[in-house]
Amino acid sequence: MIRGLEHVSCEERLRELGLFGLEKRWLWGDLIAVFEHFKGAYEKGGDKLFSRVCCDRARTNGFKLR
């Protein structure tokens, strides 16, 4: 425990320390997993879970999802 934060709620401690809550960390992990699927880190399943959007605009990253 960090001194001075013993009697503060969990949300206040995270805010005071500049950390994210568990829900945001789960979401961030999910976004990383989706990115890895498209970059080829996983061999199976990515083509069934997501589909890319065809876009011929000049300023696109090619990883837009439908």
PDB file of N, CA and C in Angstrom:
ATOM      1  N   MET A   1       0.843  -1.179   0.000  1.00  0.00           N
ATOM      2  CA  MET A   1       0.000   0.000   0.000  1.00  0.00           C
ATOM      3  C   MET A   1       0.893   1.248   0.000  1.00  0.00           C
ATOM      4  N   ILE A   2       0.452   2.257  -0.646  1.00  0.00           N
ATOM      5  CA  ILE A   2       1.183   3.512  -0.725  1.00  0.00           C
ATOM      6  C   ILE A   2       0.744   4.411   0.416  1.00  0.00           C
ATOM      7  N   ARG A   3       1.725   4.986   1.091  1.00  0.00           N
ATOM      8  CA  ARG A   3       1.420   5.844   2.235  1.00  0.00           C
ATOM      9  C   ARG A   3       0.582   7.038   1.817  1.00  0.00           C
ATOM     10  N   GLY A   4      -0.399   7.325   2.622  1.00  0.00           N
ATOM     11  CA  GLY A   4      -1.297   8.443   2.360  1.00  0.00           C
ATOM     12  C   GLY A   4      -2.526   8.055   1.556  1.00  0.00           C
ATOM     13  N   LEU A   5      -2.536   6.861   0.990  1.00  0.00           N
ATOM     14  CA  LEU A   5      -3.673   6.424   0.187  1.00  0.00           C
ATOM     15  C   LEU A   5      -4.372   5.208   0.800  1.00  0.00           C
ATOM     16  N   GLU A   6      -4.105   4.932   2.069  1.00  0.00           N
ATOM     17  CA  GLU A   6      -4.683   3.743   2.706  1.00  0.00           C
ATOM     18  C   GLU A   6      -6.194   3.827   2.819  1.00  0.00           C
ATOM     19  N   HIS A   7      -6.718   5.010   3.069  1.00  0.00           N
ATOM     20  CA  HIS A   7      -8.141   5.165   3.334  1.00  0.00           C
ATOM     21  C   HIS A   7      -8.884   5.781   2.152  1.00  0.00           C
ATOM     22  N   VAL A   8      -8.317   5.653   0.984  1.00  0.00           N
ATOM     23  CA  VAL A   8      -8.921   6.216  -0.227  1.00  0.00           C
ATOM     24  C   VAL A   8      -9.486   5.063  -1.051  1.00  0.00           C
ATOM     25  N   SER A   9     -10.570   5.308  -1.775  1.00  0.00           N
ATOM     26  CA  SER A   9     -11.175   4.256  -2.598  1.00  0.00           C
ATOM     27  C   SER A   9     -10.223   3.836  -3.723  1.00  0.00           C
ATOM     28  N   CYS A  10     -10.509   2.682  -4.277  1.00  0.00           N
ATOM     29  CA  CYS A  10      -9.662   2.137  -5.348  1.00  0.00           C
ATOM     30  C   CYS A  10      -9.621   3.079  -6.552  1.00  0.00           C
ATOM     31  N   GLU A  11     -10.765   3.637  -6.934  1.00  0.00           N
ATOM     32  CA  GLU A  11     -10.808   4.554  -8.072  1.00  0.00           C
ATOM     33  C   GLU A  11      -9.967   5.797  -7.824  1.00  0.00           C
ATOM     34  N   GLU A  12     -10.042   6.327  -6.594  1.00  0.00           N
ATOM     35  CA  GLU A  12      -9.243   7.504  -6.250  1.00  0.00           C
ATOM     36  C   GLU A  12      -7.750   7.187  -6.281  1.00  0.00           C
ATOM     37  N   ARG A  13      -7.370   6.014  -5.791  1.00  0.00           N
ATOM     38  CA  ARG A  13      -5.952   5.615  -5.827  1.00  0.00           C
ATOM     39  C   ARG A  13      -5.454   5.536  -7.259  1.00  0.00           C
ATOM     40  N   LEU A  14      -6.228   4.901  -8.140  1.00  0.00           N
ATOM     41  CA  LEU A  14      -5.819   4.786  -9.533  1.00  0.00           C
ATOM     42  C   LEU A  14      -5.688   6.163 -10.175  1.00  0.00           C
ATOM     43  N   ARG A  15      -6.645   7.038  -9.915  1.00  0.00           N
ATOM     44  CA  ARG A  15      -6.599   8.392 -10.473  1.00  0.00           C
ATOM     45  C   ARG A  15      -5.385   9.153  -9.952  1.00  0.00           C
ATOM     46  N   GLU A  16      -5.128   9.028  -8.660  1.00  0.00           N
ATOM     47  CA  GLU A  16      -4.002   9.720  -8.031  1.00  0.00           C
ATOM     48  C   GLU A  16      -2.658   9.231  -8.595  1.00  0.00           C
ATOM     49  N   LEU A  17      -2.576   7.935  -8.909  1.00  0.00           N
ATOM     50  CA  LEU A  17      -1.336   7.355  -9.422  1.00  0.00           C
ATOM     51  C   LEU A  17      -1.224   7.422 -10.946  1.00  0.00           C
ATOM     52  N   GLY A  18      -2.285   7.897 -11.600  1.00  0.00           N
ATOM     53  CA  GLY A  18      -2.251   8.013 -13.058  1.00  0.00           C
ATOM     54  C   GLY A  18      -2.382   6.671 -13.757  1.00  0.00           C
ATOM     55  N   LEU A  19      -3.123   5.726 -13.165  1.00  0.00           N
ATOM     56  CA  LEU A  19      -3.300   4.399 -13.739  1.00  0.00           C
ATOM     57  C   LEU A  19      -4.728   4.222 -14.239  1.00  0.00           C
ATOM     58  N   PHE A  20      -4.912   3.269 -15.160  1.00  0.00           N
ATOM     59  CA  PHE A  20      -6.230   2.963 -15.696  1.00  0.00           C
ATOM     60  C   PHE A  20      -6.883   1.878 -14.870  1.00  0.00           C
ATOM     61  N   GLY A  21      -8.210   1.864 -14.881  1.00  0.00           N
ATOM     62  CA  GLY A  21      -8.968   0.827 -14.207  1.00  0.00           C
ATOM     63  C   GLY A  21      -8.943  -0.476 -14.992  1.00  0.00           C
ATOM     64  N   LEU A  22      -9.469  -1.513 -14.415  1.00  0.00           N
ATOM     65  CA  LEU A  22      -9.437  -2.842 -15.004  1.00  0.00           C
ATOM     66  C   LEU A  22     -10.206  -2.910 -16.315  1.00  0.00           C
ATOM     67  N   GLU A  23     -11.346  -2.244 -16.412  1.00  0.00           N
ATOM     68  CA  GLU A  23     -12.138  -2.286 -17.634  1.00  0.00           C
ATOM     69  C   GLU A  23     -11.375  -1.704 -18.813  1.00  0.00           C
ATOM     70  N   LYS A  24     -10.684  -0.587 -18.599  1.00  0.00           N
ATOM     71  CA  LYS A  24      -9.905   0.016 -19.681  1.00  0.00           C
ATOM     72  C   LYS A  24      -8.732  -0.869 -20.075  1.00  0.00           C
ATOM     73  N   ARG A  25      -8.110  -1.533 -19.108  1.00  0.00           N
ATOM     74  CA  ARG A  25      -7.005  -2.422 -19.438  1.00  0.00           C
ATOM     75  C   ARG A  25      -7.493  -3.627 -20.225  1.00  0.00           C
ATOM     76  N   TRP A  26      -8.700  -4.151 -19.906  1.00  0.00           N
ATOM     77  CA  TRP A  26      -9.267  -5.252 -20.688  1.00  0.00           C
ATOM     78  C   TRP A  26      -9.542  -4.816 -22.120  1.00  0.00           C
ATOM     79  N   LEU A  27     -10.132  -3.635 -22.275  1.00  0.00           N
ATOM     80  CA  LEU A  27     -10.418  -3.115 -23.609  1.00  0.00           C
ATOM     81  C   LEU A  27      -9.136  -2.944 -24.405  1.00  0.00           C
ATOM     82  N   TRP A  28      -8.108  -2.404 -23.795  1.00  0.00           N
ATOM     83  CA  TRP A  28      -6.831  -2.205 -24.460  1.00  0.00           C
ATOM     84  C   TRP A  28      -6.248  -3.550 -24.908  1.00  0.00           C
ATOM     85  N   GLY A  29      -6.345  -4.565 -24.057  1.00  0.00           N
ATOM     86  CA  GLY A  29      -5.866  -5.898 -24.415  1.00  0.00           C
ATOM     87  C   GLY A  29      -6.646  -6.483 -25.578  1.00  0.00           C
ATOM     88  N   ASP A  30      -7.956  -6.247 -25.617  1.00  0.00           N
ATOM     89  CA  ASP A  30      -8.774  -6.723 -26.733  1.00  0.00           C
ATOM     90  C   ASP A  30      -8.372  -6.043 -28.032  1.00  0.00           C
ATOM     91  N   LEU A  31      -8.114  -4.749 -27.976  1.00  0.00           N
ATOM     92  CA  LEU A  31      -7.693  -4.028 -29.177  1.00  0.00           C
ATOM     93  C   LEU A  31      -6.341  -4.530 -29.689  1.00  0.00           C
ATOM     94  N   ILE A  32      -5.445  -4.842 -28.788  1.00  0.00           N
ATOM     95  CA  ILE A  32      -4.147  -5.398 -29.187  1.00  0.00           C
ATOM     96  C   ILE A  32      -4.338  -6.755 -29.839  1.00  0.00           C
ATOM     97  N   ALA A  33      -5.221  -7.592 -29.304  1.00  0.00           N
ATOM     98  CA  ALA A  33      -5.475  -8.912 -29.882  1.00  0.00           C
ATOM     99  C   ALA A  33      -6.050  -8.798 -31.295  1.00  0.00           C
ATOM    100  N   VAL A  34      -6.966  -7.845 -31.520  1.00  0.00           N
ATOM    101  CA  VAL A  34      -7.522  -7.639 -32.862  1.00  0.00           C
ATOM    102  C   VAL A  34      -6.422  -7.218 -33.823  1.00  0.00           C
ATOM    103  N   PHE A  35      -5.576  -6.301 -33.414  1.00  0.00           N
ATOM    104  CA  PHE A  35      -4.478  -5.847 -34.266  1.00  0.00           C
ATOM    105  C   PHE A  35      -3.550  -7.005 -34.620  1.00  0.00           C
ATOM    106  N   GLU A  36      -3.234  -7.850 -33.644  1.00  0.00           N
ATOM    107  CA  GLU A  36      -2.354  -8.984 -33.895  1.00  0.00           C
ATOM    108  C   GLU A  36      -2.988  -9.986 -34.851  1.00  0.00           C
ATOM    109  N   HIS A  37      -4.312 -10.155 -34.786  1.00  0.00           N
ATOM    110  CA  HIS A  37      -4.993 -11.032 -35.742  1.00  0.00           C
ATOM    111  C   HIS A  37      -4.752 -10.558 -37.170  1.00  0.00           C
ATOM    112  N   PHE A  38      -4.879  -9.262 -37.398  1.00  0.00           N
ATOM    113  CA  PHE A  38      -4.724  -8.741 -38.743  1.00  0.00           C
ATOM    114  C   PHE A  38      -3.276  -8.685 -39.195  1.00  0.00           C
ATOM    115  N   LYS A  39      -2.363  -8.586 -38.296  1.00  0.00           N
ATOM    116  CA  LYS A  39      -0.955  -8.558 -38.668  1.00  0.00           C
ATOM    117  C   LYS A  39      -0.387  -9.966 -38.868  1.00  0.00           C
ATOM    118  N   GLY A  40      -1.205 -11.016 -38.579  1.00  0.00           N
ATOM    119  CA  GLY A  40      -0.773 -12.373 -38.843  1.00  0.00           C
ATOM    120  C   GLY A  40      -0.167 -13.096 -37.659  1.00  0.00           C
ATOM    121  N   ALA A  41      -0.332 -12.584 -36.462  1.00  0.00           N
ATOM    122  CA  ALA A  41       0.235 -13.251 -35.289  1.00  0.00           C
ATOM    123  C   ALA A  41      -0.510 -14.541 -34.978  1.00  0.00           C
ATOM    124  N   TYR A  42      -1.805 -14.581 -35.331  1.00  0.00           N
ATOM    125  CA  TYR A  42      -2.607 -15.774 -35.094  1.00  0.00           C
ATOM    126  C   TYR A  42      -2.955 -16.397 -36.437  1.00  0.00           C
ATOM    127  N   GLU A  43      -2.780 -17.686 -36.554  1.00  0.00           N
ATOM    128  CA  GLU A  43      -3.019 -18.378 -37.814  1.00  0.00           C
ATOM    129  C   GLU A  43      -4.511 -18.612 -38.071  1.00  0.00           C
ATOM    130  N   LYS A  44      -5.273 -18.950 -37.037  1.00  0.00           N
ATOM    131  CA  LYS A  44      -6.658 -19.368 -37.228  1.00  0.00           C
ATOM    132  C   LYS A  44      -7.643 -18.373 -36.614  1.00  0.00           C
ATOM    133  N   GLY A  45      -8.817 -18.299 -37.209  1.00  0.00           N
ATOM    134  CA  GLY A  45      -9.930 -17.611 -36.581  1.00  0.00           C
ATOM    135  C   GLY A  45     -10.101 -16.150 -36.918  1.00  0.00           C
ATOM    136  N   GLY A  46      -9.075 -15.424 -37.255  1.00  0.00           N
ATOM    137  CA  GLY A  46      -9.204 -13.993 -37.496  1.00  0.00           C
ATOM    138  C   GLY A  46     -10.072 -13.654 -38.682  1.00  0.00           C
ATOM    139  N   ASP A  47     -10.033 -14.504 -39.726  1.00  0.00           N
ATOM    140  CA  ASP A  47     -10.833 -14.233 -40.913  1.00  0.00           C
ATOM    141  C   ASP A  47     -12.320 -14.451 -40.653  1.00  0.00           C
ATOM    142  N   LYS A  48     -12.669 -15.261 -39.669  1.00  0.00           N
ATOM    143  CA  LYS A  48     -14.069 -15.501 -39.353  1.00  0.00           C
ATOM    144  C   LYS A  48     -14.617 -14.464 -38.381  1.00  0.00           C
ATOM    145  N   LEU A  49     -13.764 -13.866 -37.575  1.00  0.00           N
ATOM    146  CA  LEU A  49     -14.216 -12.914 -36.567  1.00  0.00           C
ATOM    147  C   LEU A  49     -14.433 -11.515 -37.123  1.00  0.00           C
ATOM    148  N   PHE A  50     -13.582 -11.090 -38.050  1.00  0.00           N
ATOM    149  CA  PHE A  50     -13.604  -9.709 -38.527  1.00  0.00           C
ATOM    150  C   PHE A  50     -13.518  -9.681 -40.044  1.00  0.00           C
ATOM    151  N   SER A  51     -14.003  -8.603 -40.635  1.00  0.00           N
ATOM    152  CA  SER A  51     -13.814  -8.385 -42.064  1.00  0.00           C
ATOM    153  C   SER A  51     -13.328  -6.953 -42.257  1.00  0.00           C
ATOM    154  N   ARG A  52     -12.421  -6.794 -43.193  1.00  0.00           N
ATOM    155  CA  ARG A  52     -11.877  -5.459 -43.471  1.00  0.00           C
ATOM    156  C   ARG A  52     -12.807  -4.694 -44.392  1.00  0.00           C
ATOM    157  N   VAL A  53     -12.784  -3.392 -44.272  1.00  0.00           N
ATOM    158  CA  VAL A  53     -13.571  -2.524 -45.131  1.00  0.00           C
ATOM    159  C   VAL A  53     -12.702  -2.134 -46.316  1.00  0.00           C
ATOM    160  N   CYS A  54     -13.239  -2.338 -47.510  1.00  0.00           N
ATOM    161  CA  CYS A  54     -12.503  -1.907 -48.705  1.00  0.00           C
ATOM    162  C   CYS A  54     -12.610  -0.391 -48.826  1.00  0.00           C
ATOM    163  N   CYS A  55     -11.504   0.210 -48.947  1.00  0.00           N
ATOM    164  CA  CYS A  55     -11.482   1.674 -49.034  1.00  0.00           C
ATOM    165  C   CYS A  55     -10.335   2.071 -49.937  1.00  0.00           C
ATOM    166  N   ASP A  56     -10.599   2.914 -50.906  1.00  0.00           N
ATOM    167  CA  ASP A  56      -9.551   3.342 -51.833  1.00  0.00           C
ATOM    168  C   ASP A  56      -9.154   4.793 -51.608  1.00  0.00           C
ATOM    169  N   ARG A  57      -9.488   5.305 -50.434  1.00  0.00           N
ATOM    170  CA  ARG A  57      -9.084   6.676 -50.124  1.00  0.00           C
ATOM    171  C   ARG A  57      -7.574   6.730 -49.929  1.00  0.00           C
ATOM    172  N   ALA A  58      -6.992   7.868 -50.184  1.00  0.00           N
ATOM    173  CA  ALA A  58      -5.539   8.016 -50.132  1.00  0.00           C
ATOM    174  C   ALA A  58      -5.002   7.971 -48.704  1.00  0.00           C
ATOM    175  N   ARG A  59      -5.755   8.448 -47.729  1.00  0.00           N
ATOM    176  CA  ARG A  59      -5.238   8.543 -46.366  1.00  0.00           C
ATOM    177  C   ARG A  59      -5.870   7.496 -45.461  1.00  0.00           C
ATOM    178  N   THR A  60      -5.674   6.227 -45.759  1.00  0.00           N
ATOM    179  CA  THR A  60      -6.231   5.156 -44.948  1.00  0.00           C
ATOM    180  C   THR A  60      -5.115   4.246 -44.470  1.00  0.00           C
ATOM    181  N   ASN A  61      -5.356   3.569 -43.379  1.00  0.00           N
ATOM    182  CA  ASN A  61      -4.333   2.661 -42.860  1.00  0.00           C
ATOM    183  C   ASN A  61      -4.564   1.223 -43.294  1.00  0.00           C
ATOM    184  N   GLY A  62      -5.694   0.917 -43.929  1.00  0.00           N
ATOM    185  CA  GLY A  62      -5.945  -0.428 -44.417  1.00  0.00           C
ATOM    186  C   GLY A  62      -6.411  -1.413 -43.365  1.00  0.00           C
ATOM    187  N   PHE A  63      -6.642  -0.975 -42.152  1.00  0.00           N
ATOM    188  CA  PHE A  63      -7.070  -1.863 -41.086  1.00  0.00           C
ATOM    189  C   PHE A  63      -8.416  -1.458 -40.497  1.00  0.00           C
ATOM    190  N   LYS A  64      -9.290  -0.888 -41.313  1.00  0.00           N
ATOM    191  CA  LYS A  64     -10.619  -0.538 -40.846  1.00  0.00           C
ATOM    192  C   LYS A  64     -11.474  -1.791 -40.840  1.00  0.00           C
ATOM    193  N   LEU A  65     -12.319  -1.943 -39.800  1.00  0.00           N
ATOM    194  CA  LEU A  65     -13.109  -3.143 -39.635  1.00  0.00           C
ATOM    195  C   LEU A  65     -14.579  -2.886 -39.935  1.00  0.00           C
ATOM    196  N   ARG A  66     -15.244  -3.946 -40.373  1.00  0.00           N
ATOM    197  CA  ARG A  66     -16.679  -3.861 -40.585  1.00  0.00           C
ATOM    198  C   ARG A  66     -17.366  -4.666 -39.514  1.00  0.00           C
TER     199      ARG A  66
END
